[in-house]
N, C-alpha and C. Protein backbone atom coordinates (compact mmCIF):
# COMPACT_ATOMS: atom_id res chain seq x y z
N ALA A 1 58.43 97.51 146.32
CA ALA A 1 59.51 98.37 145.88
C ALA A 1 60.85 97.68 146.05
N ASN A 2 61.00 96.94 147.16
CA ASN A 2 62.26 96.26 147.39
C ASN A 2 62.50 95.15 146.39
N SER A 3 61.43 94.45 145.98
CA SER A 3 61.60 93.37 145.00
C SER A 3 62.06 93.95 143.66
N TYR A 4 61.50 95.10 143.30
CA TYR A 4 61.92 95.76 142.06
C TYR A 4 63.39 96.17 142.17
N LEU A 5 63.75 96.74 143.31
CA LEU A 5 65.13 97.16 143.54
C LEU A 5 66.07 95.96 143.52
N ASN A 6 65.66 94.86 144.12
CA ASN A 6 66.49 93.66 144.15
C ASN A 6 66.65 93.03 142.77
N LYS A 7 65.72 93.32 141.88
CA LYS A 7 65.83 92.80 140.51
C LYS A 7 66.68 93.72 139.64
N ILE A 8 66.50 95.01 139.78
CA ILE A 8 67.16 95.99 138.91
C ILE A 8 68.64 96.15 139.25
N VAL A 9 68.99 96.24 140.50
CA VAL A 9 70.37 96.50 140.90
C VAL A 9 71.32 95.40 140.41
N PRO A 10 71.02 94.12 140.60
CA PRO A 10 71.93 93.10 140.08
C PRO A 10 72.07 93.14 138.55
N ASN A 11 70.96 93.41 137.87
CA ASN A 11 71.02 93.53 136.40
C ASN A 11 71.91 94.71 135.99
N ALA A 12 71.76 95.83 136.67
CA ALA A 12 72.58 97.00 136.36
C ALA A 12 74.05 96.73 136.65
N ARG A 13 74.33 96.05 137.75
CA ARG A 13 75.71 95.72 138.07
C ARG A 13 76.30 94.76 137.05
N GLY A 14 75.50 93.81 136.63
CA GLY A 14 75.96 92.87 135.59
C GLY A 14 76.25 93.58 134.28
N ASP A 15 75.34 94.48 133.90
CA ASP A 15 75.55 95.26 132.67
C ASP A 15 76.80 96.13 132.78
N ALA A 16 76.99 96.73 133.95
CA ALA A 16 78.17 97.58 134.16
C ALA A 16 79.45 96.76 134.09
N ALA A 17 79.44 95.59 134.70
CA ALA A 17 80.63 94.73 134.66
C ALA A 17 80.94 94.29 133.24
N LYS A 18 79.89 93.97 132.48
CA LYS A 18 80.08 93.57 131.09
C LYS A 18 80.68 94.72 130.28
N LEU A 19 80.17 95.92 130.50
CA LEU A 19 80.66 97.09 129.78
C LEU A 19 82.12 97.37 130.12
N VAL A 20 82.48 97.25 131.39
CA VAL A 20 83.86 97.46 131.80
C VAL A 20 84.77 96.42 131.17
N GLN A 21 84.30 95.17 131.13
CA GLN A 21 85.10 94.09 130.54
C GLN A 21 85.31 94.33 129.04
N GLU A 22 84.26 94.76 128.34
CA GLU A 22 84.38 95.05 126.90
C GLU A 22 85.34 96.22 126.67
N ALA A 23 85.25 97.24 127.51
CA ALA A 23 86.14 98.40 127.36
C ALA A 23 87.59 98.01 127.61
N THR A 24 87.81 97.17 128.59
CA THR A 24 89.17 96.71 128.89
C THR A 24 89.73 95.90 127.73
N ALA A 25 88.90 95.03 127.16
CA ALA A 25 89.35 94.23 126.02
C ALA A 25 89.67 95.12 124.82
N TYR A 26 88.84 96.13 124.58
CA TYR A 26 89.08 97.05 123.47
C TYR A 26 90.37 97.83 123.70
N LYS A 27 90.59 98.27 124.94
CA LYS A 27 91.82 99.00 125.27
C LYS A 27 93.04 98.15 124.97
N GLU A 28 93.00 96.90 125.39
CA GLU A 28 94.12 95.99 125.15
C GLU A 28 94.35 95.78 123.66
N GLN A 29 93.26 95.66 122.91
CA GLN A 29 93.37 95.47 121.46
C GLN A 29 94.03 96.68 120.81
N VAL A 30 93.62 97.88 121.19
CA VAL A 30 94.18 99.10 120.61
C VAL A 30 95.66 99.23 120.97
N ILE A 31 95.99 98.91 122.20
CA ILE A 31 97.39 99.00 122.63
C ILE A 31 98.25 98.02 121.84
N LYS A 32 97.79 96.77 121.69
CA LYS A 32 98.56 95.77 120.95
C LYS A 32 98.73 96.18 119.49
N GLN A 33 97.67 96.73 118.91
CA GLN A 33 97.75 97.17 117.52
C GLN A 33 98.76 98.31 117.38
N ALA A 34 98.74 99.26 118.30
CA ALA A 34 99.67 100.39 118.25
C ALA A 34 101.11 99.91 118.45
N GLU A 35 101.30 98.95 119.34
CA GLU A 35 102.64 98.41 119.54
C GLU A 35 103.14 97.71 118.28
N GLY A 36 102.25 97.01 117.59
CA GLY A 36 102.63 96.35 116.34
C GLY A 36 103.02 97.34 115.26
N VAL A 37 102.26 98.41 115.14
CA VAL A 37 102.56 99.44 114.15
C VAL A 37 103.90 100.11 114.48
N ALA A 38 104.12 100.40 115.75
CA ALA A 38 105.37 101.02 116.16
C ALA A 38 106.56 100.10 115.89
N GLN A 39 106.40 98.81 116.18
CA GLN A 39 107.48 97.86 115.93
C GLN A 39 107.77 97.75 114.44
N ASN A 40 106.72 97.78 113.62
CA ASN A 40 106.90 97.74 112.17
C ASN A 40 107.70 98.96 111.71
N PHE A 41 107.38 100.13 112.25
CA PHE A 41 108.12 101.33 111.89
C PHE A 41 109.58 101.20 112.28
N ILE A 42 109.83 100.69 113.47
CA ILE A 42 111.22 100.52 113.94
C ILE A 42 111.97 99.54 113.03
N ASP A 43 111.30 98.46 112.63
CA ASP A 43 111.94 97.49 111.74
C ASP A 43 112.29 98.11 110.40
N VAL A 44 111.35 98.88 109.84
CA VAL A 44 111.61 99.54 108.55
C VAL A 44 112.74 100.54 108.70
N TYR A 45 112.75 101.28 109.78
CA TYR A 45 113.82 102.26 110.01
C TYR A 45 115.18 101.58 110.13
N ASN A 46 115.23 100.47 110.85
CA ASN A 46 116.50 99.75 111.00
C ASN A 46 116.99 99.21 109.66
N SER A 47 116.08 98.70 108.84
CA SER A 47 116.50 98.21 107.52
C SER A 47 116.90 99.39 106.63
N TYR A 48 116.27 100.54 106.81
CA TYR A 48 116.64 101.74 106.06
C TYR A 48 118.07 102.17 106.41
N LYS A 49 118.41 102.10 107.68
CA LYS A 49 119.77 102.47 108.09
C LYS A 49 120.81 101.55 107.46
N VAL A 50 120.46 100.28 107.29
CA VAL A 50 121.40 99.31 106.73
C VAL A 50 121.54 99.50 105.23
N ASN A 51 120.42 99.63 104.51
CA ASN A 51 120.47 99.74 103.06
C ASN A 51 119.34 100.66 102.59
N LYS A 52 119.67 101.93 102.40
CA LYS A 52 118.67 102.94 102.09
C LYS A 52 117.96 102.69 100.76
N GLU A 53 118.71 102.40 99.71
CA GLU A 53 118.11 102.25 98.39
C GLU A 53 117.12 101.09 98.33
N VAL A 54 117.50 99.97 98.90
CA VAL A 54 116.61 98.80 98.89
C VAL A 54 115.34 99.09 99.67
N THR A 55 115.47 99.75 100.80
CA THR A 55 114.30 100.06 101.62
C THR A 55 113.39 101.06 100.92
N ILE A 56 113.96 102.06 100.29
CA ILE A 56 113.15 103.03 99.54
C ILE A 56 112.40 102.33 98.42
N GLN A 57 113.07 101.46 97.69
CA GLN A 57 112.42 100.72 96.60
C GLN A 57 111.31 99.83 97.14
N ARG A 58 111.56 99.16 98.26
CA ARG A 58 110.56 98.28 98.84
C ARG A 58 109.33 99.07 99.29
N ILE A 59 109.54 100.20 99.96
CA ILE A 59 108.41 101.03 100.40
C ILE A 59 107.62 101.53 99.19
N TYR A 60 108.32 101.92 98.14
CA TYR A 60 107.66 102.38 96.92
C TYR A 60 106.79 101.28 96.33
N LEU A 61 107.34 100.07 96.22
CA LEU A 61 106.58 98.96 95.64
C LEU A 61 105.41 98.56 96.52
N GLU A 62 105.59 98.56 97.83
CA GLU A 62 104.48 98.24 98.73
C GLU A 62 103.36 99.27 98.60
N THR A 63 103.73 100.55 98.52
CA THR A 63 102.74 101.61 98.38
C THR A 63 102.02 101.50 97.05
N LEU A 64 102.77 101.25 95.99
CA LEU A 64 102.17 101.11 94.67
C LEU A 64 101.20 99.93 94.64
N THR A 65 101.58 98.83 95.24
CA THR A 65 100.70 97.66 95.30
C THR A 65 99.42 97.99 96.06
N GLU A 66 99.56 98.70 97.15
CA GLU A 66 98.39 99.07 97.96
C GLU A 66 97.46 100.01 97.19
N VAL A 67 98.04 100.97 96.48
CA VAL A 67 97.24 101.94 95.73
C VAL A 67 96.54 101.27 94.55
N MET A 68 97.22 100.34 93.89
CA MET A 68 96.66 99.73 92.69
C MET A 68 95.62 98.64 92.99
N GLU A 69 95.53 98.19 94.23
CA GLU A 69 94.50 97.22 94.58
C GLU A 69 93.15 97.92 94.60
N GLY A 70 92.10 97.13 94.56
CA GLY A 70 90.78 97.72 94.71
C GLY A 70 90.07 97.86 93.38
N PRO A 71 89.42 99.00 93.18
CA PRO A 71 88.60 99.19 91.98
C PRO A 71 89.41 99.03 90.69
N ASN A 72 88.68 98.71 89.62
CA ASN A 72 89.32 98.55 88.31
C ASN A 72 89.97 99.85 87.88
N LYS A 73 91.09 99.72 87.21
CA LYS A 73 91.80 100.88 86.69
C LYS A 73 92.12 100.66 85.22
N ILE A 74 92.10 101.73 84.47
CA ILE A 74 92.49 101.67 83.07
C ILE A 74 93.72 102.56 82.92
N ILE A 75 94.78 101.97 82.40
CA ILE A 75 96.04 102.69 82.25
C ILE A 75 96.32 102.86 80.76
N LEU A 76 96.55 104.09 80.35
CA LEU A 76 96.86 104.38 78.95
C LEU A 76 98.35 104.64 78.82
N ASP A 77 98.95 104.03 77.82
CA ASP A 77 100.38 104.19 77.60
C ASP A 77 100.58 104.96 76.30
N ASN A 78 101.12 106.16 76.39
CA ASN A 78 101.36 107.00 75.22
C ASN A 78 102.63 106.63 74.48
N THR A 79 103.52 105.90 75.09
CA THR A 79 104.84 105.68 74.51
C THR A 79 104.84 104.73 73.33
N GLY A 80 103.78 104.02 73.07
CA GLY A 80 103.75 103.02 72.01
C GLY A 80 103.44 103.58 70.64
N GLY A 81 103.54 104.86 70.44
CA GLY A 81 103.27 105.43 69.12
C GLY A 81 101.79 105.65 68.89
N GLY A 82 101.03 105.74 69.95
CA GLY A 82 99.59 105.97 69.83
C GLY A 82 99.30 107.39 69.40
N GLN A 83 98.05 107.73 69.37
CA GLN A 83 97.64 109.05 68.90
C GLN A 83 97.71 110.12 69.98
N GLY A 84 98.13 109.77 71.16
CA GLY A 84 98.22 110.78 72.22
C GLY A 84 96.92 110.92 72.96
N VAL A 85 96.43 112.14 73.05
CA VAL A 85 95.23 112.43 73.82
C VAL A 85 94.02 111.88 73.10
N VAL A 86 93.18 111.20 73.85
CA VAL A 86 91.94 110.66 73.29
C VAL A 86 90.83 111.62 73.68
N PRO A 87 90.14 112.22 72.68
CA PRO A 87 89.12 113.20 73.01
C PRO A 87 87.93 112.59 73.75
N TYR A 88 87.58 111.35 73.44
CA TYR A 88 86.45 110.70 74.10
C TYR A 88 86.86 109.28 74.42
N LEU A 89 86.78 108.93 75.65
CA LEU A 89 87.17 107.60 76.08
C LEU A 89 85.98 106.98 76.82
N PRO A 90 85.27 106.05 76.19
CA PRO A 90 84.08 105.45 76.81
C PRO A 90 84.47 104.41 77.87
N LEU A 91 84.82 104.87 79.05
CA LEU A 91 85.29 103.96 80.10
C LEU A 91 84.22 102.94 80.49
N ASN A 92 82.96 103.36 80.52
CA ASN A 92 81.89 102.42 80.87
C ASN A 92 81.82 101.29 79.85
N GLU A 93 81.97 101.62 78.58
CA GLU A 93 81.93 100.60 77.53
C GLU A 93 83.13 99.67 77.63
N LEU A 94 84.30 100.22 77.92
CA LEU A 94 85.49 99.39 78.06
C LEU A 94 85.34 98.43 79.23
N ASN A 95 84.78 98.90 80.32
CA ASN A 95 84.57 98.02 81.47
C ASN A 95 83.53 96.95 81.17
N LYS A 96 82.48 97.28 80.41
CA LYS A 96 81.48 96.28 80.04
C LYS A 96 82.10 95.19 79.19
N ASN A 97 82.93 95.59 78.22
CA ASN A 97 83.60 94.61 77.36
C ASN A 97 84.52 93.72 78.18
N LYS A 98 85.17 94.28 79.15
CA LYS A 98 86.08 93.51 80.00
C LYS A 98 85.31 92.47 80.80
N VAL A 99 84.14 92.83 81.30
CA VAL A 99 83.32 91.91 82.09
C VAL A 99 82.75 90.81 81.20
N ASN A 100 82.35 91.16 79.99
CA ASN A 100 81.74 90.18 79.08
C ASN A 100 82.74 89.20 78.52
N ASN A 101 84.01 89.55 78.47
CA ASN A 101 85.03 88.67 77.88
C ASN A 101 85.49 87.66 78.83
């Protein structure tokens, strides 16, 4: 029984120490990330105080860039004298043609 105990206890202590070390590292990572986000907010706010219009435009463009990234998008422009509303728009076919070209 003592040999089993002498084998299990050190393993359990080692596992516990490893878990504590991983948790501490994760905590530090989360704190650093939060500090970075907070500093970014402060920087944006300070630039906003200096020049509101430029900062608003920059935030708008950054957000638009972020939103437009990712999956394919099809944008229809009505202003070019087109027919307006399209009753049937085969998006799958348009995407296939885009891939094949």
